[in-house]
Amino acid sequence: MHQCLFPVNFGGIKIKALLDTGSTISAINEKTFLKTKFASNRLLHSDIKQIVGAGEATYPVKGQIDLNFEISGVVLSQNFYIIPALRHSMILGTDFCKEKCLNWNTNKLSLIKDSVTINVIRVTPATINDVDTGNIFTLDDDNSTNKSTVKSINYVQTNSNQTDIQFDLSQAHLTDQQKQKLTIFLNQNRNVFATNVKELGKTDAYKHKINTGNAPPVKSRPYRTSPAAKQEIQRQVEELLKYDIIEPSISEYSSPIVLVKKKDNTWRLCIDFRSLNKQSILQQHPLPRLDDVFDAIGQSNAKIYSRLDLTTAYYQMPMDEHSKHKTAFITHDNLYQFKRMPYGLNNACQSFQSLMTQVLRGLTWKHFIVYVDDVIIWSEDFESHLQHLDLIFQKLKQANLKLRPNKCDFAKSGILYLGHIISKDGLCNYYRKFVKGYAKIASPLNRILTKDTPFKWTADCQNAFETLKEALTSTPVLNFPNFNKPFIVSCDTSGSAIGYILSQIGDDAKEHVIVTVVEL
């Protein structure tokens, strides 16, 4: 959350305004307002009747008004709420930031309009003593003071421990102004991101169940481990306990632990659920077909893409109370069970897909596709892309699901999704089905791999290998299909393979490949 002070000329007087991205509204202290030349202006009826501040104290809102003010010679207009109890003369909230598109630096505030740069004084949250605008309420009845008649119209987390995130937009296909606007927008939605386990979300929209029918409990002794491995297991178990992901157990089930070394030479704690998985009845929930995903994107005329990745996604889904004892795992000295869905369960993928389908119901296949914990968003232009991102963010907030900022990609002209590079020009992939003439090229290699054939590397094999290597290290582009245009089918056969190419004439009057298929 950003907060800073800077000089403002307002209604004939000079004041210091507080820019506060933790406030959802812009407001003026009533005494300050009465000192200005605007004091005689008639206030409009306010859609907000009172603000609830620290200690549940309530502060009335006198009204609202559209006013002009000046920053560094630039005249701006803003809707303000008049609040008697406001400690600062003026607060400019996220409504101002979103409208005027501000960019933050170490000790400067850049106003994109007219390329004006304003020197500001940064202040820490501890020095702010304003009414808490994190909770804003409207009353159904002006005369009612019963809290049961108060309904929330907005909520923004104002936790001072949540610092702004430095998003890497260096690869974003945007102008500098658009990058600034996107950065502000993303930090206005700071509470949809989790940068560490402390900020991890926990949804109540879905709980994972394990159905083992009438099968008896599975039991296992702990695997034998080295003293160093025991210490690492204990460290990670204590961390999982600390963040409420596991709890001590007295279950009749037990699965052993396996430590797996990661690429960075740290250890991942894994549970060997193989015995439990054999007893679990498979859950049926469809995952999107990749060709359907690409067809949906291709029909949209998309030019800008974002990809969202959820932070430790499975740990954001709680276990069903009647199933969590089945996740019990055994260490060298204790038994624990998961309160949140662990990795390694054979129905975990289906459960999370079901959750995301439910959370994003009504949105998917239009400008969004979700594949387990990966969400892709596509739009025709930047402004509509912001709207689409906002729709997703609101849905994720409602479900209390958090994104991993360093694994998200925003506003790119091309994006890697499910092993494919997707862009406005088409689809790139490095797999065999996208190598034109693969069957014919690879024929010499396939012959020496058949049963009862001596392995003899010939000049033809070397040539085939070099040709395939070249093909696999380039990016053959597949266009998205346009179902409003005719398709071209080209077929070819040889003594060892059959294949076909589906293509179309593009807007550039050239033939573009949609897909290639080969059968040996």
Protein backbone atom coordinates (compact mmCIF):
# COMPACT_ATOMS: atom_id res chain seq x y z
CA MET A 1 0.00 0.00 0.00
CA HIS A 2 1.45 3.42 -1.04
CA GLN A 3 1.02 6.58 1.04
CA CYS A 4 2.63 9.96 0.43
CA LEU A 5 2.03 13.68 0.83
CA PHE A 6 2.32 16.34 -1.85
CA PRO A 7 1.22 20.00 -2.29
CA VAL A 8 -2.13 20.83 -3.85
CA ASN A 9 -3.80 24.14 -4.75
CA PHE A 10 -7.44 23.75 -3.88
CA GLY A 11 -10.19 26.36 -3.93
CA GLY A 12 -7.85 29.29 -3.29
CA ILE A 13 -5.81 27.65 -0.53
CA LYS A 14 -2.69 25.49 -0.45
CA ILE A 15 -2.86 22.16 1.35
CA LYS A 16 -0.99 18.87 1.62
CA ALA A 17 -2.92 15.97 0.09
CA LEU A 18 -2.41 12.38 1.17
CA LEU A 19 -2.27 9.88 -1.68
CA ASP A 20 -3.37 6.58 -0.13
CA THR A 21 -3.83 3.43 -2.23
CA GLY A 22 -5.33 1.74 0.83
CA SER A 23 -8.40 3.98 0.57
CA THR A 24 -11.12 3.20 -1.95
CA ILE A 25 -12.48 6.76 -1.96
CA SER A 26 -11.20 10.34 -2.17
CA ALA A 27 -12.25 12.63 0.67
CA ILE A 28 -11.87 16.15 2.08
CA ASN A 29 -11.97 17.29 5.68
CA GLU A 30 -15.11 19.41 6.23
CA LYS A 31 -13.20 22.30 7.90
CA THR A 32 -10.80 22.44 4.96
CA PHE A 33 -13.71 22.46 2.53
CA LEU A 34 -15.39 25.36 4.33
CA LYS A 35 -12.21 27.49 3.99
CA THR A 36 -12.29 27.26 0.21
CA LYS A 37 -14.20 29.21 -2.41
CA PHE A 38 -16.25 26.04 -2.95
CA ALA A 39 -17.84 26.30 0.50
CA SER A 40 -21.03 27.82 -0.91
CA ASN A 41 -21.44 25.04 -3.47
CA ARG A 42 -24.31 22.66 -2.82
CA LEU A 43 -23.28 19.16 -1.75
CA LEU A 44 -24.82 16.21 -3.55
CA HIS A 45 -26.53 13.39 -1.69
CA SER A 46 -23.85 10.85 -0.73
CA ASP A 47 -24.23 7.19 -1.61
CA ILE A 48 -22.09 6.50 1.49
CA LYS A 49 -23.66 7.51 4.80
CA GLN A 50 -20.90 6.69 7.24
CA ILE A 51 -17.43 5.22 7.52
CA VAL A 52 -16.40 2.69 10.12
CA GLY A 53 -12.90 3.49 11.39
CA ALA A 54 -10.49 2.05 13.91
CA GLY A 55 -12.10 0.64 17.03
CA GLU A 56 -15.43 0.32 15.19
CA ALA A 57 -16.00 4.06 15.60
CA THR A 58 -18.34 5.50 12.97
CA TYR A 59 -17.88 8.81 11.18
CA PRO A 60 -20.65 10.54 9.22
CA VAL A 61 -20.29 11.60 5.59
CA LYS A 62 -21.86 15.02 4.93
CA GLY A 63 -22.15 14.63 1.17
CA GLN A 64 -20.16 14.44 -2.03
CA ILE A 65 -19.11 16.92 -4.68
CA ASP A 66 -17.07 17.12 -7.90
CA LEU A 67 -14.26 19.66 -7.50
CA ASN A 68 -11.23 20.94 -9.41
CA PHE A 69 -7.78 21.12 -7.84
CA GLU A 70 -4.28 21.79 -9.13
CA ILE A 71 -1.11 19.69 -8.93
CA SER A 72 2.09 21.23 -10.35
CA GLY A 73 0.11 23.44 -12.69
CA VAL A 74 -2.13 20.64 -13.94
CA VAL A 75 -5.85 21.11 -13.21
CA LEU A 76 -7.65 17.90 -12.31
CA SER A 77 -11.22 17.01 -11.40
CA GLN A 78 -12.29 14.48 -8.79
CA ASN A 79 -15.36 13.36 -6.85
CA PHE A 80 -14.79 13.91 -3.11
CA TYR A 81 -16.69 12.84 0.00
CA ILE A 82 -16.90 15.49 2.72
CA ILE A 83 -16.02 13.94 6.12
CA PRO A 84 -15.81 16.04 9.32
CA ALA A 85 -13.52 13.59 11.18
CA LEU A 86 -10.86 13.30 8.48
CA ARG A 87 -7.41 13.99 10.00
CA HIS A 88 -5.80 15.04 6.72
CA SER A 89 -7.03 17.93 4.63
CA MET A 90 -7.45 15.75 1.56
CA ILE A 91 -7.13 12.07 0.75
CA LEU A 92 -6.80 10.84 -2.83
CA GLY A 93 -7.72 7.16 -2.97
CA THR A 94 -7.67 4.40 -5.54
CA ASP A 95 -10.55 5.99 -7.44
CA PHE A 96 -8.17 8.87 -8.22
CA CYS A 97 -5.22 6.54 -8.96
CA LYS A 98 -7.25 4.45 -11.38
CA GLU A 99 -8.69 7.47 -13.14
CA LYS A 100 -5.49 9.50 -13.43
CA CYS A 101 -3.07 6.57 -13.83
CA LEU A 102 -0.24 7.27 -11.40
CA ASN A 103 3.20 5.68 -11.36
CA TRP A 104 5.28 5.24 -8.21
CA ASN A 105 9.02 5.61 -7.84
CA THR A 106 11.27 5.94 -4.81
CA ASN A 107 10.42 9.53 -3.94
CA LYS A 108 8.51 10.86 -6.91
CA LEU A 109 5.02 10.60 -8.23
CA SER A 110 4.62 10.76 -12.02
CA LEU A 111 1.32 12.05 -13.30
CA ILE A 112 0.96 10.59 -16.77
CA LYS A 113 -1.28 13.38 -17.95
CA ASP A 114 0.95 16.02 -19.63
CA SER A 115 4.04 14.03 -18.45
CA VAL A 116 4.22 15.98 -15.20
CA THR A 117 6.51 14.77 -12.39
CA ILE A 118 5.65 15.78 -8.81
CA ASN A 119 8.04 15.60 -5.86
CA VAL A 120 6.35 13.95 -2.91
CA ILE A 121 7.10 13.16 0.73
CA ARG A 122 6.67 9.51 1.54
CA VAL A 123 5.11 8.70 4.90
CA THR A 124 5.00 5.35 6.69
CA PRO A 125 1.71 3.76 7.75
CA ALA A 126 2.59 4.44 11.39
CA THR A 127 2.39 8.21 10.79
CA ILE A 128 -1.07 8.03 9.28
CA ASN A 129 -3.88 8.72 11.68
CA ASP A 130 -6.83 8.97 9.33
CA VAL A 131 -10.22 7.43 9.49
CA ASP A 132 -9.87 3.85 8.29
CA THR A 133 -11.36 3.89 4.82
CA GLY A 134 -10.84 0.18 4.46
CA ASN A 135 -14.44 -0.45 5.51
CA ILE A 136 -17.10 1.72 3.91
CA PHE A 137 -20.77 1.20 4.62
CA THR A 138 -24.08 2.51 3.41
CA LEU A 139 -27.23 2.54 5.52
CA ASP A 140 -30.56 1.32 4.18
CA ASP A 141 -32.32 3.75 6.52
CA ASP A 142 -30.85 7.17 7.36
CA ASN A 143 -32.37 7.06 10.85
CA SER A 144 -31.18 3.55 11.65
CA THR A 145 -28.10 2.92 13.78
CA ASN A 146 -28.62 -0.83 14.07
CA LYS A 147 -25.54 -2.60 12.71
CA SER A 148 -27.71 -5.29 11.21
CA THR A 149 -28.96 -2.72 8.71
CA VAL A 150 -25.44 -1.77 7.61
CA LYS A 151 -24.24 -3.41 4.44
CA SER A 152 -20.76 -3.35 2.96
CA ILE A 153 -20.37 -1.83 -0.49
CA ASN A 154 -16.61 -2.18 -0.75
CA TYR A 155 -13.66 -3.58 1.06
CA VAL A 156 -9.97 -3.14 0.51
CA GLN A 157 -7.35 -4.68 2.77
CA THR A 158 -5.33 -1.97 4.48
CA ASN A 159 -2.76 -4.22 6.12
CA SER A 160 0.37 -2.09 6.38
CA ASN A 161 2.50 -5.25 6.27
CA GLN A 162 1.48 -5.84 2.65
CA THR A 163 4.06 -4.01 0.59
CA ASP A 164 3.61 -3.27 -3.08
CA ILE A 165 4.88 -5.89 -5.51
CA GLN A 166 7.46 -5.07 -8.16
CA PHE A 167 5.97 -6.74 -11.21
CA ASP A 168 8.30 -7.53 -14.08
CA LEU A 169 6.61 -6.05 -17.13
CA SER A 170 9.77 -5.82 -19.23
CA GLN A 171 8.38 -8.38 -21.68
CA ALA A 172 4.88 -6.91 -21.74
CA HIS A 173 3.77 -5.73 -25.18
CA LEU A 174 2.75 -2.29 -23.90
CA THR A 175 3.67 1.37 -24.06
CA ASP A 176 5.36 2.92 -21.02
CA GLN A 177 2.08 4.59 -20.08
CA GLN A 178 0.21 1.29 -20.29
CA LYS A 179 2.87 -0.42 -18.16
CA GLN A 180 2.44 2.26 -15.51
CA LYS A 181 -1.31 1.87 -15.59
CA LEU A 182 -1.04 -1.92 -15.36
CA THR A 183 1.38 -1.73 -12.41
CA ILE A 184 -1.01 0.49 -10.49
CA PHE A 185 -3.94 -1.75 -11.34
CA LEU A 186 -2.10 -4.88 -10.16
CA ASN A 187 -1.09 -3.27 -6.85
CA GLN A 188 -4.62 -2.03 -6.34
CA ASN A 189 -5.41 -5.74 -6.36
CA ARG A 190 -2.46 -6.56 -4.08
CA ASN A 191 -4.62 -8.80 -1.89
CA VAL A 192 -5.15 -11.29 -4.71
CA PHE A 193 -1.42 -12.12 -4.64
CA ALA A 194 0.54 -14.16 -2.11
CA THR A 195 4.29 -13.62 -1.99
CA ASN A 196 4.83 -16.11 0.84
CA VAL A 197 3.06 -18.88 2.74
CA LYS A 198 1.77 -16.39 5.33
CA GLU A 199 -0.43 -14.80 2.67
CA LEU A 200 -1.68 -18.12 1.28
CA GLY A 201 -5.41 -18.22 0.57
CA LYS A 202 -7.90 -20.79 1.80
CA THR A 203 -11.14 -21.19 -0.10
CA ASP A 204 -14.47 -22.31 1.29
CA ALA A 205 -15.91 -22.92 -2.18
CA TYR A 206 -14.89 -26.58 -2.36
CA LYS A 207 -13.47 -29.33 -0.13
CA HIS A 208 -11.53 -32.36 -1.29
CA LYS A 209 -13.03 -35.74 -0.46
CA ILE A 210 -11.37 -39.15 -0.58
CA ASN A 211 -13.75 -42.02 -1.30
CA THR A 212 -12.20 -45.41 -0.49
CA GLY A 213 -15.48 -47.34 -0.31
CA ASN A 214 -15.27 -50.24 2.15
CA ALA A 215 -11.52 -50.74 1.80
CA PRO A 216 -9.58 -51.14 5.06
CA PRO A 217 -7.17 -48.37 6.15
CA VAL A 218 -3.72 -48.38 4.57
CA LYS A 219 -0.82 -48.50 7.00
CA SER A 220 2.90 -48.10 6.57
CA ARG A 221 5.99 -47.79 8.70
CA PRO A 222 8.23 -44.76 8.08
CA TYR A 223 11.01 -45.24 5.54
CA ARG A 224 14.48 -45.35 7.02
CA THR A 225 16.27 -42.00 6.63
CA SER A 226 19.63 -40.46 7.50
CA PRO A 227 20.03 -38.13 10.51
CA ALA A 228 20.27 -35.16 8.13
CA ALA A 229 17.07 -36.21 6.37
CA LYS A 230 15.29 -36.55 9.73
CA GLN A 231 16.23 -32.96 10.56
CA GLU A 232 14.97 -31.72 7.19
CA ILE A 233 11.70 -33.62 7.57
CA GLN A 234 11.21 -32.19 11.05
CA ARG A 235 11.92 -28.66 9.82
CA GLN A 236 9.38 -28.90 7.02
CA VAL A 237 6.78 -30.55 9.26
CA GLU A 238 7.10 -27.71 11.77
CA GLU A 239 6.64 -25.20 8.96
CA LEU A 240 3.49 -26.97 7.74
CA LEU A 241 2.16 -26.96 11.31
CA LYS A 242 2.96 -23.26 11.68
CA TYR A 243 0.94 -22.33 8.61
CA ASP A 244 -2.03 -24.55 9.52
CA ILE A 245 -1.59 -26.91 6.58
CA ILE A 246 -1.26 -30.06 8.72
CA GLU A 247 -2.17 -31.10 12.26
CA PRO A 248 -1.25 -33.95 14.64
CA SER A 249 -3.24 -37.12 13.95
CA ILE A 250 -4.51 -40.24 15.68
CA SER A 251 -5.69 -41.76 12.38
CA GLU A 252 -5.63 -45.48 11.63
CA TYR A 253 -4.14 -44.55 8.23
CA SER A 254 -0.45 -43.85 7.64
CA SER A 255 1.61 -43.17 4.52
CA PRO A 256 5.40 -42.76 4.49
CA ILE A 257 7.48 -39.68 3.62
CA VAL A 258 9.91 -39.36 0.72
CA LEU A 259 12.37 -36.46 0.31
CA VAL A 260 12.95 -35.47 -3.32
CA LYS A 261 15.83 -33.18 -4.28
CA LYS A 262 14.81 -30.14 -6.33
CA LYS A 263 16.83 -28.43 -9.06
CA ASP A 264 18.15 -25.85 -6.58
CA ASN A 265 19.41 -28.69 -4.33
CA THR A 266 16.77 -28.06 -1.67
CA TRP A 267 14.42 -30.84 -0.60
CA ARG A 268 10.74 -31.32 -1.34
CA LEU A 269 8.75 -33.25 1.26
CA CYS A 270 6.50 -35.73 -0.55
CA ILE A 271 4.03 -38.26 0.80
CA ASP A 272 3.97 -41.70 -0.79
CA PHE A 273 0.21 -42.06 -1.27
CA ARG A 274 0.44 -45.00 -3.69
CA SER A 275 -1.32 -47.45 -1.37
CA LEU A 276 -4.08 -44.94 -0.60
CA ASN A 277 -4.49 -44.10 -4.28
CA LYS A 278 -5.05 -47.76 -5.15
CA GLN A 279 -8.07 -47.78 -2.83
CA SER A 280 -9.46 -44.39 -3.89
CA ILE A 281 -12.39 -44.34 -6.28
CA LEU A 282 -11.53 -42.15 -9.25
CA GLN A 283 -13.38 -38.85 -9.51
CA GLN A 284 -14.60 -37.86 -12.95
CA HIS A 285 -14.22 -34.22 -13.93
CA PRO A 286 -13.17 -33.12 -17.42
CA LEU A 287 -9.99 -31.22 -18.13
CA PRO A 288 -10.16 -28.89 -21.15
CA ARG A 289 -9.03 -30.46 -24.43
CA LEU A 290 -6.03 -28.58 -25.76
CA ASP A 291 -7.45 -28.36 -29.27
CA ASP A 292 -10.66 -26.83 -27.85
CA VAL A 293 -8.56 -24.32 -25.91
CA PHE A 294 -6.68 -23.26 -29.03
CA ASP A 295 -9.86 -23.10 -31.10
CA ALA A 296 -11.46 -20.77 -28.54
CA ILE A 297 -8.44 -18.47 -28.55
CA GLY A 298 -8.19 -18.56 -32.33
CA GLN A 299 -11.77 -17.39 -32.84
CA SER A 300 -11.30 -14.36 -30.58
CA ASN A 301 -8.91 -12.23 -32.65
CA ALA A 302 -6.82 -11.89 -29.48
CA LYS A 303 -3.69 -9.74 -29.47
CA ILE A 304 -2.79 -9.56 -25.78
CA TYR A 305 -2.42 -12.42 -23.30
CA SER A 306 -1.86 -12.97 -19.58
CA ARG A 307 -1.26 -16.19 -17.67
CA LEU A 308 -2.07 -16.54 -13.97
CA ASP A 309 -0.56 -19.14 -11.65
CA LEU A 310 -1.94 -19.88 -8.20
CA THR A 311 0.44 -19.97 -5.24
CA THR A 312 0.88 -23.55 -3.97
CA ALA A 313 -2.58 -24.14 -5.39
CA TYR A 314 -3.53 -27.39 -3.67
CA TYR A 315 -2.78 -25.97 -0.22
CA GLN A 316 -5.49 -23.36 -0.82
CA MET A 317 -8.20 -26.06 -0.85
CA PRO A 318 -9.33 -27.52 2.51
CA MET A 319 -9.79 -31.22 3.10
CA ASP A 320 -13.23 -32.57 3.88
CA GLU A 321 -13.52 -33.25 7.62
CA HIS A 322 -14.43 -36.88 6.98
CA SER A 323 -11.50 -37.46 4.63
CA LYS A 324 -8.51 -35.68 6.12
CA HIS A 325 -7.65 -38.60 8.46
CA LYS A 326 -6.94 -40.65 5.31
CA THR A 327 -4.09 -38.28 4.43
CA ALA A 328 -2.20 -39.17 7.61
CA PHE A 329 1.55 -39.56 7.13
CA ILE A 330 4.11 -40.97 9.50
CA THR A 331 7.51 -39.56 10.48
CA HIS A 332 10.16 -41.22 12.62
CA ASP A 333 8.45 -39.94 15.78
CA ASN A 334 4.88 -38.81 15.07
CA LEU A 335 1.73 -38.97 12.92
CA TYR A 336 0.19 -35.98 11.12
CA GLN A 337 -2.68 -35.38 8.72
CA PHE A 338 -3.44 -32.69 6.18
CA LYS A 339 -6.00 -29.95 6.81
CA ARG A 340 -5.54 -28.83 3.20
CA MET A 341 -5.34 -30.92 0.07
CA PRO A 342 -1.86 -32.43 -0.32
CA TYR A 343 0.02 -33.16 -3.50
CA GLY A 344 0.18 -36.77 -4.65
CA LEU A 345 -3.48 -37.77 -4.35
CA ASN A 346 -4.85 -39.26 -7.55
CA ASN A 347 -8.01 -37.11 -7.54
CA ALA A 348 -6.34 -33.84 -6.55
CA CYS A 349 -6.15 -32.57 -10.13
CA GLN A 350 -9.85 -33.25 -10.77
CA SER A 351 -10.86 -31.61 -7.50
CA PHE A 352 -8.94 -28.44 -8.24
CA GLN A 353 -10.28 -28.27 -11.78
CA SER A 354 -13.78 -28.63 -10.34
CA LEU A 355 -13.08 -25.81 -7.88
CA MET A 356 -11.80 -23.45 -10.56
CA THR A 357 -14.69 -24.31 -12.89
CA GLN A 358 -17.06 -23.39 -10.07
CA VAL A 359 -15.21 -20.19 -9.13
CA LEU A 360 -15.03 -18.94 -12.74
CA ARG A 361 -18.43 -20.22 -13.80
CA GLY A 362 -19.87 -18.11 -16.60
CA LEU A 363 -16.49 -16.64 -17.58
CA THR A 364 -14.56 -19.54 -19.07
CA TRP A 365 -14.28 -20.06 -22.83
CA LYS A 366 -15.11 -16.41 -23.52
CA HIS A 367 -11.85 -14.67 -22.65
CA PHE A 368 -10.56 -17.12 -20.05
CA ILE A 369 -9.53 -20.77 -19.86
CA VAL A 370 -8.49 -22.54 -16.67
CA TYR A 371 -6.45 -25.73 -16.70
CA VAL A 372 -6.15 -26.86 -13.06
CA ASP A 373 -4.19 -23.97 -11.49
CA ASP A 374 -3.18 -22.20 -14.73
CA VAL A 375 -5.46 -19.48 -16.08
CA ILE A 376 -4.97 -17.85 -19.46
CA ILE A 377 -6.69 -14.57 -20.34
CA TRP A 378 -6.83 -13.12 -23.84
CA SER A 379 -8.20 -9.84 -25.20
CA GLU A 380 -8.23 -7.75 -28.34
CA ASP A 381 -6.77 -4.61 -26.73
CA PHE A 382 -5.23 -3.29 -23.51
CA GLU A 383 -8.31 -1.62 -22.01
CA SER A 384 -10.50 -4.69 -22.44
CA HIS A 385 -7.64 -6.79 -21.04
CA LEU A 386 -7.70 -4.75 -17.82
CA GLN A 387 -11.45 -5.38 -17.57
CA HIS A 388 -10.95 -9.11 -18.09
CA LEU A 389 -8.19 -9.24 -15.47
CA ASP A 390 -10.43 -7.36 -13.06
CA LEU A 391 -13.23 -9.90 -13.57
CA ILE A 392 -10.87 -12.77 -12.74
CA PHE A 393 -9.37 -10.96 -9.74
CA GLN A 394 -12.80 -10.30 -8.24
CA LYS A 395 -13.78 -13.96 -8.64
CA LEU A 396 -10.53 -15.12 -7.03
CA LYS A 397 -10.96 -12.68 -4.14
CA GLN A 398 -14.49 -13.91 -3.51
CA ALA A 399 -13.13 -17.47 -3.34
CA ASN A 400 -10.07 -16.38 -1.28
CA LEU A 401 -7.62 -17.82 -3.79
CA LYS A 402 -4.20 -16.21 -4.21
CA LEU A 403 -1.85 -15.88 -7.17
CA ARG A 404 1.93 -16.24 -7.26
CA PRO A 405 3.12 -12.93 -8.76
CA ASN A 406 6.55 -14.11 -9.92
CA LYS A 407 4.97 -16.96 -11.91
CA CYS A 408 2.31 -14.82 -13.60
CA ASP A 409 2.79 -13.25 -17.04
CA PHE A 410 0.90 -10.08 -17.88
CA ALA A 411 -0.07 -8.37 -21.12
CA LYS A 412 2.22 -10.16 -23.55
CA SER A 413 1.84 -10.51 -27.30
CA GLY A 414 2.78 -14.19 -26.97
CA ILE A 415 2.68 -16.52 -24.00
CA LEU A 416 3.74 -20.03 -23.03
CA TYR A 417 0.71 -22.07 -22.00
CA LEU A 418 0.60 -25.82 -21.47
CA GLY A 419 3.74 -26.36 -23.50
CA HIS A 420 2.61 -24.19 -26.42
CA ILE A 421 3.62 -20.67 -27.38
CA ILE A 422 0.41 -18.80 -28.16
CA SER A 423 0.43 -15.47 -29.99
CA LYS A 424 -1.70 -13.42 -32.36
CA ASP A 425 0.23 -15.01 -35.23
CA GLY A 426 -0.71 -18.53 -34.23
CA LEU A 427 0.51 -21.46 -32.22
CA CYS A 428 4.09 -22.66 -31.85
CA ASN A 429 5.10 -26.06 -30.54
CA TYR A 430 8.14 -28.24 -30.58
CA TYR A 431 6.45 -31.62 -30.58
CA ARG A 432 6.56 -34.11 -33.43
CA LYS A 433 3.03 -33.52 -34.66
CA PHE A 434 4.01 -29.97 -35.59
CA VAL A 435 7.10 -30.88 -37.63
CA LYS A 436 6.10 -30.77 -41.26
CA GLY A 437 7.05 -33.99 -43.04
CA TYR A 438 8.04 -35.68 -39.78
CA ALA A 439 7.01 -39.17 -40.94
CA LYS A 440 9.15 -39.03 -44.06
CA ILE A 441 12.10 -37.33 -42.36
CA ALA A 442 12.19 -39.79 -39.46
CA SER A 443 11.70 -42.92 -41.56
CA PRO A 444 15.43 -43.95 -41.52
CA LEU A 445 15.51 -43.59 -37.73
CA ASN A 446 12.32 -45.57 -37.24
CA ARG A 447 13.66 -48.46 -39.33
CA ILE A 448 16.67 -49.07 -37.06
CA LEU A 449 14.43 -48.95 -33.97
CA THR A 450 12.12 -51.76 -35.08
CA LYS A 451 12.32 -55.18 -33.49
CA ASP A 452 14.91 -57.66 -34.86
CA THR A 453 16.64 -54.95 -36.95
CA PRO A 454 20.40 -54.49 -36.38
CA PHE A 455 21.27 -51.01 -35.11
CA LYS A 456 23.38 -49.49 -37.88
CA TRP A 457 23.82 -45.73 -38.04
CA THR A 458 23.92 -44.76 -41.72
CA ALA A 459 24.36 -41.51 -43.61
CA ASP A 460 20.56 -41.42 -44.06
CA CYS A 461 20.14 -41.71 -40.28
CA GLN A 462 22.58 -38.86 -39.67
CA ASN A 463 20.84 -36.68 -42.24
CA ALA A 464 17.42 -37.43 -40.69
CA PHE A 465 18.78 -36.65 -37.24
CA GLU A 466 20.24 -33.30 -38.32
CA THR A 467 17.03 -32.34 -40.15
CA LEU A 468 14.87 -33.16 -37.12
CA LYS A 469 17.26 -31.32 -34.81
CA GLU A 470 16.93 -28.22 -36.96
CA ALA A 471 13.14 -28.54 -37.02
CA LEU A 472 12.90 -29.04 -33.27
CA THR A 473 15.07 -26.02 -32.47
CA SER A 474 13.01 -23.66 -34.64
CA THR A 475 9.44 -22.53 -34.08
CA PRO A 476 7.07 -23.80 -36.75
CA VAL A 477 4.01 -21.60 -36.52
CA LEU A 478 0.51 -23.04 -36.61
CA ASN A 479 -2.33 -20.63 -37.24
CA PHE A 480 -5.54 -20.71 -35.26
CA PRO A 481 -8.49 -22.07 -37.25
CA ASN A 482 -11.07 -19.62 -38.57
CA PHE A 483 -14.35 -21.53 -38.85
CA ASN A 484 -15.82 -18.87 -41.12
CA LYS A 485 -13.30 -19.71 -43.87
CA PRO A 486 -12.83 -22.90 -45.93
CA PHE A 487 -10.12 -25.39 -44.98
CA ILE A 488 -7.54 -26.97 -47.27
CA VAL A 489 -6.65 -30.65 -46.70
CA SER A 490 -3.37 -31.90 -48.17
CA CYS A 491 -2.66 -35.65 -47.94
CA ASP A 492 0.51 -37.65 -48.51
CA THR A 493 1.53 -41.29 -48.12
CA SER A 494 4.68 -43.35 -48.40
CA GLY A 495 5.62 -46.97 -47.85
CA SER A 496 6.23 -46.22 -44.16
CA ALA A 497 3.80 -43.43 -43.20
CA ILE A 498 0.65 -41.48 -43.97
CA GLY A 499 -0.08 -37.88 -43.08
CA TYR A 500 -2.14 -34.81 -43.83
CA ILE A 501 -1.99 -31.05 -43.36
CA LEU A 502 -4.99 -28.86 -42.57
CA SER A 503 -4.48 -25.28 -43.70
CA GLN A 504 -6.31 -22.06 -44.59
CA ILE A 505 -5.74 -18.94 -46.65
CA GLY A 506 -5.07 -16.10 -44.23
CA ASP A 507 -5.81 -12.38 -44.42
CA ASP A 508 -2.40 -11.95 -46.06
CA ALA A 509 -3.56 -14.19 -48.97
CA LYS A 510 -0.98 -16.82 -47.98
CA GLU A 511 -1.61 -20.41 -46.98
CA HIS A 512 -1.05 -21.09 -43.27
CA VAL A 513 -0.86 -24.47 -41.55
CA ILE A 514 -3.50 -25.20 -38.89
CA VAL A 515 -2.34 -28.67 -37.89
CA THR A 516 -0.27 -31.55 -39.23
CA VAL A 517 -0.98 -35.20 -38.44
CA VAL A 518 1.24 -38.22 -39.11
CA GLU A 519 0.72 -41.94 -38.62
CA LEU A 520 3.54 -44.44 -38.98
